[in-house]
Amino acid sequence: MANKAIVGQKVGMTQVWDDENRVVPVTLVKVAPCRVVQVKRPDTDGYSALQVTFGQRDPRKLNQPLNGHYDKAGVAPGTRLVELRLEDVSAYDIGQEIAVDILSAGELVDVTAVSKGKGFAGAMKRHNFAGQNASHGNHRAHRKPGSVGNAATPGRVFKGTRMAGRTGAEKVTTQNLTVVQADAERELLLIKGSIPGPKGGLVLIRDAVKGGN
């Protein structure tokens, strides 16, 4: 499990140059300081996690239970609540701020986000099917999925059979990405390569579990 984590919003991609003047593609993540609203511990909650918020939101636009939750913690309401699962939360207190400087250049991180929604797609695009024969009796069925296994036995189509349908908009984790720069002054994190999700999407960043092994 991760030892440190932060949440931010994807800005987009650009490029920077390293010390050897080589182009490095990077993704910019806006990481506003996160305020700890609740600390969850194994003895009280069964697991270790931090509940954090970021940004600002008008308390009048929140319901009473949520306002009460913020008031109890003494933390100003934020854009949304996010839970960060951590190995050890003993070093954190309610109201504490977590900024982008918990990460540093060269560290390996895992990035989790909801991928871009692609809408309705056929079986070939959705599941990477090869398609049927281009000729030899095939008549207007080149991109169809083919048999789905239905016959007198079992007389039905099994759940989970790969067919056409909505694709994308799924929780995706990209592992072992390198932090190029953590700019606390501009509240920006530069991560080498691409990360899941659209621009403006919520991004969860934590130190790499596998550590590049």
N, C-alpha and C. Protein backbone atom coordinates (compact mmCIF):
# COMPACT_ATOMS: atom_id res chain seq x y z
N MET A 1 0.84 -1.20 0.00
CA MET A 1 0.00 0.00 0.00
C MET A 1 0.87 1.25 0.00
N ALA A 2 0.33 2.34 -0.49
CA ALA A 2 1.10 3.57 -0.64
C ALA A 2 1.45 4.19 0.72
N ASN A 3 2.55 4.93 0.75
CA ASN A 3 2.98 5.65 1.95
C ASN A 3 2.63 7.12 1.88
N LYS A 4 2.45 7.64 0.67
CA LYS A 4 2.02 9.03 0.50
C LYS A 4 1.20 9.15 -0.77
N ALA A 5 0.25 10.09 -0.74
CA ALA A 5 -0.65 10.26 -1.88
C ALA A 5 -1.13 11.70 -1.92
N ILE A 6 -1.58 12.09 -3.09
CA ILE A 6 -2.09 13.45 -3.30
C ILE A 6 -3.14 13.37 -4.41
N VAL A 7 -4.02 14.33 -4.45
CA VAL A 7 -5.06 14.36 -5.48
C VAL A 7 -4.98 15.69 -6.22
N GLY A 8 -5.24 15.65 -7.53
CA GLY A 8 -5.17 16.87 -8.33
C GLY A 8 -6.08 16.78 -9.53
N GLN A 9 -5.95 17.75 -10.43
CA GLN A 9 -6.75 17.80 -11.65
C GLN A 9 -5.84 17.87 -12.86
N LYS A 10 -6.14 17.05 -13.84
CA LYS A 10 -5.33 17.00 -15.06
C LYS A 10 -5.50 18.29 -15.85
N VAL A 11 -4.38 18.90 -16.23
CA VAL A 11 -4.40 20.13 -17.01
C VAL A 11 -4.23 19.83 -18.49
N GLY A 12 -3.29 18.96 -18.83
CA GLY A 12 -3.02 18.64 -20.23
C GLY A 12 -1.56 18.24 -20.38
N MET A 13 -1.15 18.06 -21.63
CA MET A 13 0.22 17.62 -21.90
C MET A 13 1.04 18.73 -22.55
N THR A 14 2.34 18.69 -22.30
CA THR A 14 3.28 19.59 -22.93
C THR A 14 4.62 18.87 -22.98
N GLN A 15 5.70 19.60 -23.18
CA GLN A 15 7.02 18.98 -23.22
C GLN A 15 8.04 19.88 -22.56
N VAL A 16 9.04 19.25 -21.96
CA VAL A 16 10.16 19.98 -21.37
C VAL A 16 11.45 19.35 -21.88
N TRP A 17 12.57 19.98 -21.53
CA TRP A 17 13.87 19.46 -21.96
C TRP A 17 14.69 19.08 -20.73
N ASP A 18 15.36 17.94 -20.81
CA ASP A 18 16.16 17.49 -19.68
C ASP A 18 17.57 18.08 -19.74
N ASP A 19 18.45 17.63 -18.84
CA ASP A 19 19.81 18.18 -18.77
C ASP A 19 20.63 17.89 -20.01
N GLU A 20 20.25 16.85 -20.74
CA GLU A 20 20.98 16.51 -21.97
C GLU A 20 20.28 17.05 -23.21
N ASN A 21 19.36 18.00 -22.99
CA ASN A 21 18.65 18.69 -24.07
C ASN A 21 17.79 17.74 -24.90
N ARG A 22 17.23 16.73 -24.24
CA ARG A 22 16.31 15.81 -24.90
C ARG A 22 14.87 16.18 -24.53
N VAL A 23 13.98 16.04 -25.49
CA VAL A 23 12.58 16.38 -25.24
C VAL A 23 11.94 15.30 -24.36
N VAL A 24 11.22 15.75 -23.33
CA VAL A 24 10.52 14.83 -22.43
C VAL A 24 9.04 15.20 -22.43
N PRO A 25 8.16 14.32 -22.93
CA PRO A 25 6.73 14.61 -22.89
C PRO A 25 6.22 14.48 -21.45
N VAL A 26 5.46 15.46 -20.99
CA VAL A 26 4.98 15.45 -19.61
C VAL A 26 3.48 15.82 -19.57
N THR A 27 2.84 15.35 -18.53
CA THR A 27 1.46 15.74 -18.25
C THR A 27 1.45 16.67 -17.05
N LEU A 28 0.75 17.79 -17.16
CA LEU A 28 0.64 18.75 -16.06
C LEU A 28 -0.57 18.39 -15.21
N VAL A 29 -0.36 18.35 -13.90
CA VAL A 29 -1.44 18.10 -12.95
C VAL A 29 -1.48 19.26 -11.96
N LYS A 30 -2.63 19.92 -11.86
CA LYS A 30 -2.81 21.00 -10.90
C LYS A 30 -3.11 20.38 -9.54
N VAL A 31 -2.23 20.62 -8.57
CA VAL A 31 -2.38 20.02 -7.24
C VAL A 31 -2.52 21.14 -6.22
N ALA A 32 -3.76 21.51 -5.92
CA ALA A 32 -4.00 22.48 -4.86
C ALA A 32 -3.78 21.81 -3.51
N PRO A 33 -3.33 22.56 -2.49
CA PRO A 33 -3.13 21.95 -1.17
C PRO A 33 -4.39 21.25 -0.66
N CYS A 34 -4.23 20.01 -0.22
CA CYS A 34 -5.35 19.23 0.29
C CYS A 34 -5.46 19.39 1.80
N ARG A 35 -6.66 19.60 2.29
CA ARG A 35 -6.90 19.75 3.73
C ARG A 35 -7.47 18.44 4.28
N VAL A 36 -6.88 17.94 5.34
CA VAL A 36 -7.34 16.69 5.94
C VAL A 36 -8.62 16.94 6.72
N VAL A 37 -9.70 16.25 6.33
CA VAL A 37 -10.99 16.39 6.99
C VAL A 37 -11.22 15.28 8.02
N GLN A 38 -10.71 14.09 7.73
CA GLN A 38 -10.88 12.97 8.64
C GLN A 38 -9.71 12.01 8.50
N VAL A 39 -9.26 11.48 9.62
CA VAL A 39 -8.20 10.48 9.64
C VAL A 39 -8.82 9.15 10.06
N LYS A 40 -8.75 8.17 9.18
CA LYS A 40 -9.33 6.86 9.46
C LYS A 40 -8.22 5.89 9.88
N ARG A 41 -8.44 5.24 11.02
CA ARG A 41 -7.43 4.35 11.58
C ARG A 41 -7.99 2.94 11.72
N PRO A 42 -7.10 1.93 11.71
CA PRO A 42 -7.55 0.53 11.80
C PRO A 42 -8.37 0.23 13.05
N ASP A 43 -8.02 0.84 14.19
CA ASP A 43 -8.72 0.52 15.43
C ASP A 43 -10.13 1.09 15.48
N THR A 44 -10.40 2.15 14.71
CA THR A 44 -11.74 2.75 14.72
C THR A 44 -12.53 2.50 13.44
N ASP A 45 -11.83 2.44 12.31
CA ASP A 45 -12.52 2.31 11.02
C ASP A 45 -12.19 1.02 10.28
N GLY A 46 -11.21 0.28 10.76
CA GLY A 46 -10.86 -0.98 10.12
C GLY A 46 -9.80 -0.88 9.05
N TYR A 47 -9.40 0.33 8.70
CA TYR A 47 -8.36 0.52 7.69
C TYR A 47 -7.76 1.92 7.85
N SER A 48 -6.64 2.15 7.18
CA SER A 48 -5.94 3.43 7.27
C SER A 48 -6.21 4.27 6.03
N ALA A 49 -6.64 5.49 6.21
CA ALA A 49 -6.91 6.38 5.08
C ALA A 49 -7.04 7.81 5.57
N LEU A 50 -6.87 8.72 4.63
CA LEU A 50 -7.11 10.13 4.88
C LEU A 50 -8.26 10.61 4.01
N GLN A 51 -9.20 11.30 4.62
CA GLN A 51 -10.26 11.94 3.83
C GLN A 51 -9.88 13.40 3.67
N VAL A 52 -9.69 13.83 2.44
CA VAL A 52 -9.19 15.19 2.18
C VAL A 52 -10.14 15.93 1.25
N THR A 53 -10.00 17.25 1.27
CA THR A 53 -10.73 18.10 0.33
C THR A 53 -9.78 19.15 -0.20
N PHE A 54 -10.15 19.78 -1.30
CA PHE A 54 -9.31 20.82 -1.90
C PHE A 54 -10.21 21.86 -2.54
N GLY A 55 -9.65 23.03 -2.80
CA GLY A 55 -10.46 24.10 -3.38
C GLY A 55 -11.41 24.70 -2.37
N GLN A 56 -12.33 25.54 -2.86
CA GLN A 56 -13.29 26.21 -2.00
C GLN A 56 -14.70 26.04 -2.57
N ARG A 57 -15.68 25.92 -1.65
CA ARG A 57 -17.07 25.81 -2.07
C ARG A 57 -17.96 26.55 -1.09
N ASP A 58 -19.01 27.17 -1.62
CA ASP A 58 -19.95 27.91 -0.79
C ASP A 58 -20.71 26.95 0.12
N PRO A 59 -20.63 27.13 1.46
CA PRO A 59 -21.34 26.21 2.37
C PRO A 59 -22.84 26.17 2.14
N ARG A 60 -23.41 27.25 1.58
CA ARG A 60 -24.85 27.29 1.34
C ARG A 60 -25.28 26.29 0.27
N LYS A 61 -24.34 25.82 -0.52
CA LYS A 61 -24.66 24.88 -1.59
C LYS A 61 -24.48 23.41 -1.15
N LEU A 62 -24.16 23.20 0.13
CA LEU A 62 -23.99 21.86 0.66
C LEU A 62 -25.16 21.49 1.54
N ASN A 63 -25.44 20.20 1.66
CA ASN A 63 -26.51 19.78 2.57
C ASN A 63 -26.01 19.83 4.02
N GLN A 64 -26.93 19.71 4.95
CA GLN A 64 -26.58 19.87 6.36
C GLN A 64 -25.61 18.81 6.88
N PRO A 65 -25.78 17.51 6.52
CA PRO A 65 -24.81 16.53 7.01
C PRO A 65 -23.39 16.82 6.56
N LEU A 66 -23.23 17.25 5.30
CA LEU A 66 -21.89 17.54 4.81
C LEU A 66 -21.31 18.78 5.48
N ASN A 67 -22.15 19.81 5.66
CA ASN A 67 -21.69 21.00 6.38
C ASN A 67 -21.28 20.65 7.80
N GLY A 68 -22.06 19.78 8.44
CA GLY A 68 -21.73 19.37 9.80
C GLY A 68 -20.42 18.60 9.85
N HIS A 69 -20.16 17.81 8.80
CA HIS A 69 -18.90 17.05 8.73
C HIS A 69 -17.71 17.99 8.65
N TYR A 70 -17.83 19.04 7.83
CA TYR A 70 -16.75 20.03 7.73
C TYR A 70 -16.61 20.83 9.02
N ASP A 71 -17.74 21.21 9.62
CA ASP A 71 -17.70 22.01 10.85
C ASP A 71 -17.05 21.23 11.99
N LYS A 72 -17.35 19.95 12.09
CA LYS A 72 -16.76 19.12 13.14
C LYS A 72 -15.25 19.07 13.03
N ALA A 73 -14.76 19.04 11.77
CA ALA A 73 -13.31 19.00 11.54
C ALA A 73 -12.68 20.39 11.62
N GLY A 74 -13.52 21.44 11.54
CA GLY A 74 -12.98 22.78 11.54
C GLY A 74 -12.26 23.12 10.26
N VAL A 75 -12.73 22.52 9.15
CA VAL A 75 -12.09 22.70 7.85
C VAL A 75 -13.07 23.38 6.90
N ALA A 76 -12.58 24.35 6.12
CA ALA A 76 -13.43 25.03 5.15
C ALA A 76 -13.88 24.05 4.07
N PRO A 77 -15.16 24.10 3.65
CA PRO A 77 -15.66 23.18 2.62
C PRO A 77 -14.88 23.31 1.33
N GLY A 78 -14.63 22.16 0.70
CA GLY A 78 -13.90 22.14 -0.56
C GLY A 78 -14.76 21.66 -1.71
N THR A 79 -14.13 21.52 -2.87
CA THR A 79 -14.83 21.12 -4.08
C THR A 79 -15.45 19.74 -3.93
N ARG A 80 -14.70 18.80 -3.38
CA ARG A 80 -15.22 17.46 -3.16
C ARG A 80 -14.36 16.74 -2.12
N LEU A 81 -14.88 15.64 -1.60
CA LEU A 81 -14.15 14.83 -0.65
C LEU A 81 -13.51 13.64 -1.37
N VAL A 82 -12.26 13.37 -1.06
CA VAL A 82 -11.54 12.26 -1.68
C VAL A 82 -10.84 11.47 -0.57
N GLU A 83 -10.87 10.15 -0.70
CA GLU A 83 -10.20 9.31 0.29
C GLU A 83 -8.88 8.79 -0.26
N LEU A 84 -7.83 8.94 0.52
CA LEU A 84 -6.49 8.48 0.15
C LEU A 84 -6.11 7.32 1.06
N ARG A 85 -6.01 6.11 0.50
CA ARG A 85 -5.63 4.94 1.29
C ARG A 85 -4.11 4.94 1.48
N LEU A 86 -3.69 4.90 2.75
CA LEU A 86 -2.27 4.93 3.07
C LEU A 86 -1.93 3.82 4.04
N GLU A 87 -0.66 3.45 4.04
CA GLU A 87 -0.18 2.41 4.94
C GLU A 87 -0.20 2.88 6.39
N ASP A 88 0.25 4.12 6.61
CA ASP A 88 0.35 4.66 7.97
C ASP A 88 -0.13 6.11 7.98
N VAL A 89 -1.06 6.43 8.88
CA VAL A 89 -1.60 7.78 8.94
C VAL A 89 -1.28 8.46 10.27
N SER A 90 -0.35 7.88 11.02
CA SER A 90 -0.03 8.40 12.35
C SER A 90 0.57 9.80 12.31
N ALA A 91 1.16 10.17 11.18
CA ALA A 91 1.83 11.47 11.08
C ALA A 91 0.88 12.58 10.64
N TYR A 92 -0.40 12.27 10.44
CA TYR A 92 -1.34 13.26 9.94
C TYR A 92 -2.37 13.62 11.00
N ASP A 93 -2.82 14.88 10.96
CA ASP A 93 -3.85 15.38 11.87
C ASP A 93 -4.93 16.08 11.07
N ILE A 94 -6.12 16.17 11.66
CA ILE A 94 -7.23 16.87 11.02
C ILE A 94 -6.87 18.35 10.86
N GLY A 95 -7.15 18.90 9.67
CA GLY A 95 -6.83 20.28 9.38
C GLY A 95 -5.47 20.48 8.74
N GLN A 96 -4.63 19.46 8.76
CA GLN A 96 -3.30 19.56 8.16
C GLN A 96 -3.41 19.67 6.64
N GLU A 97 -2.50 20.42 6.03
CA GLU A 97 -2.48 20.58 4.58
C GLU A 97 -1.40 19.69 3.97
N ILE A 98 -1.75 19.07 2.86
CA ILE A 98 -0.80 18.25 2.10
C ILE A 98 -0.61 18.92 0.75
N ALA A 99 0.61 19.30 0.45
CA ALA A 99 0.89 20.01 -0.80
C ALA A 99 1.67 19.13 -1.76
N VAL A 100 1.91 19.67 -2.95
CA VAL A 100 2.58 18.89 -3.99
C VAL A 100 4.02 18.58 -3.64
N ASP A 101 4.59 19.30 -2.68
CA ASP A 101 6.00 19.09 -2.37
C ASP A 101 6.26 17.79 -1.59
N ILE A 102 5.21 16.99 -1.31
CA ILE A 102 5.47 15.67 -0.71
C ILE A 102 6.12 14.74 -1.73
N LEU A 103 6.02 15.10 -3.02
CA LEU A 103 6.69 14.34 -4.07
C LEU A 103 7.88 15.14 -4.59
N SER A 104 8.85 14.46 -5.14
CA SER A 104 10.04 15.13 -5.65
C SER A 104 10.44 14.52 -6.99
N ALA A 105 11.23 15.24 -7.74
CA ALA A 105 11.67 14.80 -9.06
C ALA A 105 12.41 13.47 -8.97
N GLY A 106 12.09 12.57 -9.91
CA GLY A 106 12.73 11.27 -9.96
C GLY A 106 11.96 10.16 -9.28
N GLU A 107 10.97 10.51 -8.47
CA GLU A 107 10.17 9.48 -7.80
C GLU A 107 9.26 8.77 -8.79
N LEU A 108 8.96 7.51 -8.50
CA LEU A 108 8.01 6.74 -9.29
C LEU A 108 6.64 6.79 -8.62
N VAL A 109 5.61 7.02 -9.42
CA VAL A 109 4.26 7.14 -8.88
C VAL A 109 3.29 6.30 -9.70
N ASP A 110 2.18 5.94 -9.07
CA ASP A 110 1.04 5.32 -9.75
C ASP A 110 -0.06 6.36 -9.85
N VAL A 111 -0.66 6.47 -11.02
CA VAL A 111 -1.69 7.48 -11.26
C VAL A 111 -3.00 6.78 -11.59
N THR A 112 -4.05 7.12 -10.84
CA THR A 112 -5.38 6.54 -11.04
C THR A 112 -6.37 7.63 -11.43
N ALA A 113 -7.16 7.35 -12.45
CA ALA A 113 -8.18 8.30 -12.90
C ALA A 113 -9.24 7.55 -13.69
N VAL A 114 -10.33 8.22 -13.99
CA VAL A 114 -11.38 7.64 -14.83
C VAL A 114 -11.07 7.99 -16.28
N SER A 115 -10.94 6.97 -17.11
CA SER A 115 -10.53 7.17 -18.50
C SER A 115 -11.61 7.92 -19.29
N LYS A 116 -11.22 8.42 -20.44
CA LYS A 116 -12.16 9.12 -21.31
C LYS A 116 -13.27 8.18 -21.77
N GLY A 117 -14.50 8.65 -21.76
CA GLY A 117 -15.60 7.87 -22.28
C GLY A 117 -15.60 7.88 -23.80
N LYS A 118 -15.73 6.71 -24.41
CA LYS A 118 -15.71 6.60 -25.87
C LYS A 118 -17.10 6.41 -26.46
N GLY A 119 -18.11 6.28 -25.60
CA GLY A 119 -19.46 6.07 -26.12
C GLY A 119 -19.66 4.64 -26.59
N PHE A 120 -20.70 4.44 -27.38
CA PHE A 120 -21.02 3.10 -27.88
C PHE A 120 -20.02 2.70 -28.97
N ALA A 121 -19.51 1.49 -28.85
CA ALA A 121 -18.55 1.00 -29.83
C ALA A 121 -18.85 -0.46 -30.15
N GLY A 122 -18.47 -0.87 -31.35
CA GLY A 122 -18.67 -2.25 -31.77
C GLY A 122 -17.70 -3.19 -31.08
N ALA A 123 -17.89 -4.48 -31.30
CA ALA A 123 -17.08 -5.48 -30.62
C ALA A 123 -15.61 -5.40 -31.02
N MET A 124 -15.33 -5.08 -32.29
CA MET A 124 -13.95 -5.03 -32.74
C MET A 124 -13.18 -3.90 -32.05
N LYS A 125 -13.78 -2.73 -31.97
CA LYS A 125 -13.10 -1.60 -31.34
C LYS A 125 -13.05 -1.77 -29.82
N ARG A 126 -14.14 -2.27 -29.25
CA ARG A 126 -14.25 -2.37 -27.81
C ARG A 126 -13.35 -3.45 -27.22
N HIS A 127 -13.23 -4.59 -27.91
CA HIS A 127 -12.50 -5.73 -27.36
C HIS A 127 -11.31 -6.15 -28.22
N ASN A 128 -10.99 -5.37 -29.24
CA ASN A 128 -9.84 -5.64 -30.09
C ASN A 128 -9.97 -6.97 -30.84
N PHE A 129 -11.19 -7.29 -31.28
CA PHE A 129 -11.40 -8.48 -32.10
C PHE A 129 -10.76 -8.29 -33.47
N ALA A 130 -10.37 -9.41 -34.09
CA ALA A 130 -9.71 -9.35 -35.39
C ALA A 130 -10.70 -9.16 -36.53
N GLY A 131 -11.97 -9.52 -36.32
CA GLY A 131 -12.94 -9.44 -37.41
C GLY A 131 -13.00 -10.74 -38.19
N GLN A 132 -13.99 -10.87 -39.03
CA GLN A 132 -14.17 -12.09 -39.80
C GLN A 132 -13.46 -12.00 -41.15
N ASN A 133 -13.55 -13.08 -41.93
CA ASN A 133 -12.88 -13.13 -43.23
C ASN A 133 -13.35 -12.02 -44.15
N ALA A 134 -12.43 -11.56 -44.97
CA ALA A 134 -12.78 -10.50 -45.92
C ALA A 134 -13.57 -11.05 -47.10
N SER A 135 -13.46 -12.35 -47.36
CA SER A 135 -14.18 -12.95 -48.51
C SER A 135 -14.60 -14.36 -48.11
N HIS A 136 -14.61 -15.30 -49.06
CA HIS A 136 -14.95 -16.70 -48.83
C HIS A 136 -16.33 -16.84 -48.18
N GLY A 137 -17.30 -16.25 -48.82
CA GLY A 137 -18.67 -16.44 -48.38
C GLY A 137 -19.15 -15.46 -47.33
N ASN A 138 -18.28 -14.59 -46.86
CA ASN A 138 -18.71 -13.61 -45.85
C ASN A 138 -19.51 -12.51 -46.53
N HIS A 139 -20.72 -12.29 -46.05
CA HIS A 139 -21.59 -11.31 -46.69
C HIS A 139 -22.04 -10.27 -45.66
N ARG A 140 -21.40 -9.11 -45.70
CA ARG A 140 -21.74 -7.97 -44.85
C ARG A 140 -21.66 -8.31 -43.35
N ALA A 141 -20.70 -9.13 -42.99
CA ALA A 141 -20.54 -9.49 -41.57
C ALA A 141 -19.08 -9.37 -41.14
N HIS A 142 -18.34 -8.51 -41.86
CA HIS A 142 -16.90 -8.43 -41.64
C HIS A 142 -16.54 -7.96 -40.23
N ARG A 143 -17.32 -7.06 -39.68
CA ARG A 143 -16.99 -6.50 -38.37
C ARG A 143 -17.92 -7.01 -37.26
N LYS A 144 -18.72 -8.01 -37.57
CA LYS A 144 -19.61 -8.56 -36.55
C LYS A 144 -18.84 -9.49 -35.62
N PRO A 145 -19.29 -9.64 -34.36
CA PRO A 145 -18.54 -10.44 -33.39
C PRO A 145 -18.59 -11.94 -33.64
N GLY A 146 -19.54 -12.41 -34.44
CA GLY A 146 -19.63 -13.85 -34.68
C GLY A 146 -20.48 -14.53 -33.62
N SER A 147 -20.30 -15.83 -33.47
CA SER A 147 -21.12 -16.61 -32.54
C SER A 147 -20.89 -16.17 -31.10
N VAL A 148 -21.98 -16.15 -30.33
CA VAL A 148 -21.89 -15.84 -28.91
C VAL A 148 -22.16 -17.09 -28.08
N GLY A 149 -22.15 -18.27 -28.71
CA GLY A 149 -22.20 -19.52 -27.98
C GLY A 149 -23.58 -20.03 -27.64
N ASN A 150 -24.62 -19.46 -28.23
CA ASN A 150 -25.98 -19.88 -27.89
C ASN A 150 -26.38 -21.09 -28.72
N ALA A 151 -26.96 -22.09 -28.07
CA ALA A 151 -27.47 -23.28 -28.74
C ALA A 151 -28.53 -23.90 -27.83
N ALA A 152 -28.98 -25.10 -28.18
CA ALA A 152 -29.99 -25.75 -27.34
C ALA A 152 -29.47 -25.94 -25.92
N THR A 153 -28.16 -26.15 -25.80
CA THR A 153 -27.51 -26.21 -24.50
C THR A 153 -26.38 -25.20 -24.49
N PRO A 154 -26.39 -24.18 -23.68
CA PRO A 154 -27.26 -23.95 -22.53
C PRO A 154 -28.56 -23.21 -22.86
N GLY A 155 -28.74 -22.82 -24.09
CA GLY A 155 -29.97 -22.13 -24.44
C GLY A 155 -30.03 -20.68 -24.00
N ARG A 156 -28.89 -20.12 -23.71
CA ARG A 156 -28.83 -18.71 -23.30
C ARG A 156 -27.42 -18.20 -23.55
N VAL A 157 -27.25 -16.92 -23.43
CA VAL A 157 -25.94 -16.30 -23.58
C VAL A 157 -25.37 -16.05 -22.19
N PHE A 158 -24.15 -16.49 -21.95
CA PHE A 158 -23.54 -16.34 -20.64
C PHE A 158 -23.28 -14.86 -20.32
N LYS A 159 -23.42 -14.53 -19.05
CA LYS A 159 -23.07 -13.18 -18.61
C LYS A 159 -21.58 -12.94 -18.84
N GLY A 160 -21.27 -11.71 -19.24
CA GLY A 160 -19.87 -11.35 -19.46
C GLY A 160 -19.38 -11.60 -20.87
N THR A 161 -20.24 -12.15 -21.73
CA THR A 161 -19.83 -12.37 -23.12
C THR A 161 -19.48 -11.03 -23.76
N ARG A 162 -18.35 -10.99 -24.43
CA ARG A 162 -17.87 -9.72 -24.98
C ARG A 162 -18.66 -9.34 -26.22
N MET A 163 -19.35 -8.22 -26.12
CA MET A 163 -20.19 -7.73 -27.21
C MET A 163 -19.99 -6.23 -27.37
N ALA A 164 -20.75 -5.64 -28.27
CA ALA A 164 -20.72 -4.19 -28.45
C ALA A 164 -21.34 -3.52 -27.22
N GLY A 165 -20.97 -2.28 -26.97
CA GLY A 165 -21.53 -1.54 -25.84
C GLY A 165 -20.70 -0.31 -25.54
N ARG A 166 -21.03 0.33 -24.45
CA ARG A 166 -20.29 1.53 -24.06
C ARG A 166 -18.88 1.15 -23.64
N THR A 167 -17.93 1.95 -24.05
CA THR A 167 -16.53 1.69 -23.72
C THR A 167 -15.90 2.95 -23.15
N GLY A 168 -14.82 2.76 -22.41
CA GLY A 168 -14.18 3.88 -21.74
C GLY A 168 -14.89 4.21 -20.44
N ALA A 169 -14.54 5.38 -19.84
CA ALA A 169 -15.14 5.85 -18.59
C ALA A 169 -14.99 4.80 -17.49
N GLU A 170 -13.80 4.19 -17.42
CA GLU A 170 -13.51 3.19 -16.41
C GLU A 170 -12.33 3.64 -15.56
N LYS A 171 -12.28 3.14 -14.33
CA LYS A 171 -11.17 3.46 -13.44
C LYS A 171 -9.91 2.78 -13.95
N VAL A 172 -8.87 3.57 -14.23
CA VAL A 172 -7.63 3.05 -14.82
C VAL A 172 -6.45 3.53 -13.98
N THR A 173 -5.50 2.64 -13.77
CA THR A 173 -4.27 2.99 -13.05
C THR A 173 -3.06 2.75 -13.96
N THR A 174 -2.25 3.79 -14.13
CA THR A 174 -0.99 3.67 -14.86
C THR A 174 0.14 3.67 -13.85
N GLN A 175 0.96 2.63 -13.90
CA GLN A 175 1.96 2.43 -12.86
C GLN A 175 3.35 2.87 -13.28
N ASN A 176 4.14 3.19 -12.27
CA ASN A 176 5.57 3.48 -12.43
C ASN A 176 5.86 4.61 -13.41
N LEU A 177 5.16 5.72 -13.24
CA LEU A 177 5.46 6.93 -13.99
C LEU A 177 6.44 7.79 -13.19
N THR A 178 7.29 8.52 -13.89
CA THR A 178 8.33 9.30 -13.22
C THR A 178 7.91 10.75 -13.03
N VAL A 179 8.12 11.26 -11.82
CA VAL A 179 7.89 12.68 -11.55
C VAL A 179 9.05 13.48 -12.13
N VAL A 180 8.75 14.39 -13.02
CA VAL A 180 9.79 15.23 -13.63
C VAL A 180 10.05 16.46 -12.78
N GLN A 181 8.96 17.05 -12.24
CA GLN A 181 9.12 18.25 -11.42
C GLN A 181 7.90 18.42 -10.53
N ALA A 182 8.12 18.88 -9.29
CA ALA A 182 7.05 19.22 -8.37
C ALA A 182 7.20 20.70 -8.02
N ASP A 183 6.36 21.54 -8.61
CA ASP A 183 6.45 22.99 -8.44
C ASP A 183 5.44 23.44 -7.41
N ALA A 184 5.89 23.62 -6.16
CA ALA A 184 4.98 24.01 -5.08
C ALA A 184 4.48 25.43 -5.25
N GLU A 185 5.29 26.29 -5.84
CA GLU A 185 4.90 27.70 -5.99
C GLU A 185 3.72 27.84 -6.95
N ARG A 186 3.76 27.10 -8.06
CA ARG A 186 2.66 27.16 -9.04
C ARG A 186 1.64 26.06 -8.84
N GLU A 187 1.85 25.21 -7.83
CA GLU A 187 0.95 24.10 -7.51
C GLU A 187 0.78 23.17 -8.71
N LEU A 188 1.92 22.83 -9.33
CA LEU A 188 1.90 21.98 -10.51
C LEU A 188 2.80 20.77 -10.31
N LEU A 189 2.36 19.65 -10.83
CA LEU A 189 3.16 18.42 -10.83
C LEU A 189 3.35 18.00 -12.28
N LEU A 190 4.59 17.78 -12.69
CA LEU A 190 4.91 17.34 -14.04
C LEU A 190 5.27 15.86 -14.00
N ILE A 191 4.49 15.06 -14.71
CA ILE A 191 4.69 13.61 -14.73
C ILE A 191 5.05 13.19 -16.14
N LYS A 192 6.09 12.38 -16.27
CA LYS A 192 6.54 11.95 -17.58
C LYS A 192 5.52 11.03 -18.24
N GLY A 193 5.19 11.32 -19.49
CA GLY A 193 4.25 10.49 -20.23
C GLY A 193 2.81 10.92 -20.04
N SER A 194 1.91 10.07 -20.49
CA SER A 194 0.49 10.38 -20.42
C SER A 194 -0.15 9.69 -19.23
N ILE A 195 -1.26 10.26 -18.77
CA ILE A 195 -2.02 9.67 -17.68
C ILE A 195 -3.48 9.57 -18.11
N PRO A 196 -4.27 8.70 -17.48
CA PRO A 196 -5.66 8.52 -17.92
C PRO A 196 -6.52 9.75 -17.66
N GLY A 197 -7.64 9.81 -18.37
CA GLY A 197 -8.65 10.81 -18.10
C GLY A 197 -8.60 12.02 -19.00
N PRO A 198 -9.70 12.80 -19.02
CA PRO A 198 -9.76 14.02 -19.82
C PRO A 198 -9.15 15.21 -19.09
N LYS A 199 -9.01 16.31 -19.76
CA LYS A 199 -8.55 17.54 -19.12
C LYS A 199 -9.58 17.98 -18.08
N GLY A 200 -9.10 18.35 -16.92
CA GLY A 200 -9.99 18.74 -15.84
C GLY A 200 -10.44 17.58 -14.98
N GLY A 201 -10.06 16.35 -15.36
CA GLY A 201 -10.47 15.17 -14.61
C GLY A 201 -9.70 15.02 -13.31
N LEU A 202 -10.34 14.38 -12.34
CA LEU A 202 -9.71 14.14 -11.04
C LEU A 202 -8.65 13.06 -11.16
N VAL A 203 -7.50 13.30 -10.57
CA VAL A 203 -6.36 12.38 -10.67
C VAL A 203 -5.84 12.07 -9.27
N LEU A 204 -5.69 10.78 -8.98
CA LEU A 204 -5.13 10.34 -7.70
C LEU A 204 -3.70 9.87 -7.95
N ILE A 205 -2.75 10.45 -7.22
CA ILE A 205 -1.34 10.16 -7.41
C ILE A 205 -0.77 9.62 -6.09
N ARG A 206 -0.12 8.47 -6.15
CA ARG A 206 0.51 7.91 -4.95
C ARG A 206 1.84 7.28 -5.34
N ASP A 207 2.72 7.13 -4.35
CA ASP A 207 4.02 6.54 -4.65
C ASP A 207 3.84 5.11 -5.15
N ALA A 208 4.70 4.72 -6.07
CA ALA A 208 4.54 3.45 -6.78
C ALA A 208 4.59 2.27 -5.82
N VAL A 209 3.60 1.39 -5.95
CA VAL A 209 3.53 0.20 -5.10
C VAL A 209 4.60 -0.82 -5.49
N LYS A 210 4.80 -0.98 -6.79
CA LYS A 210 5.77 -1.96 -7.28
C LYS A 210 7.19 -1.39 -7.33
N GLY A 211 7.30 -0.09 -7.35
CA GLY A 211 8.63 0.53 -7.25
C GLY A 211 9.53 0.25 -8.41
N GLY A 212 8.97 -0.05 -9.60
CA GLY A 212 9.78 -0.26 -10.77
C GLY A 212 10.40 -1.64 -10.86
N ASN A 213 10.06 -2.53 -9.92
CA ASN A 213 10.62 -3.89 -9.96
C ASN A 213 9.89 -4.75 -10.97
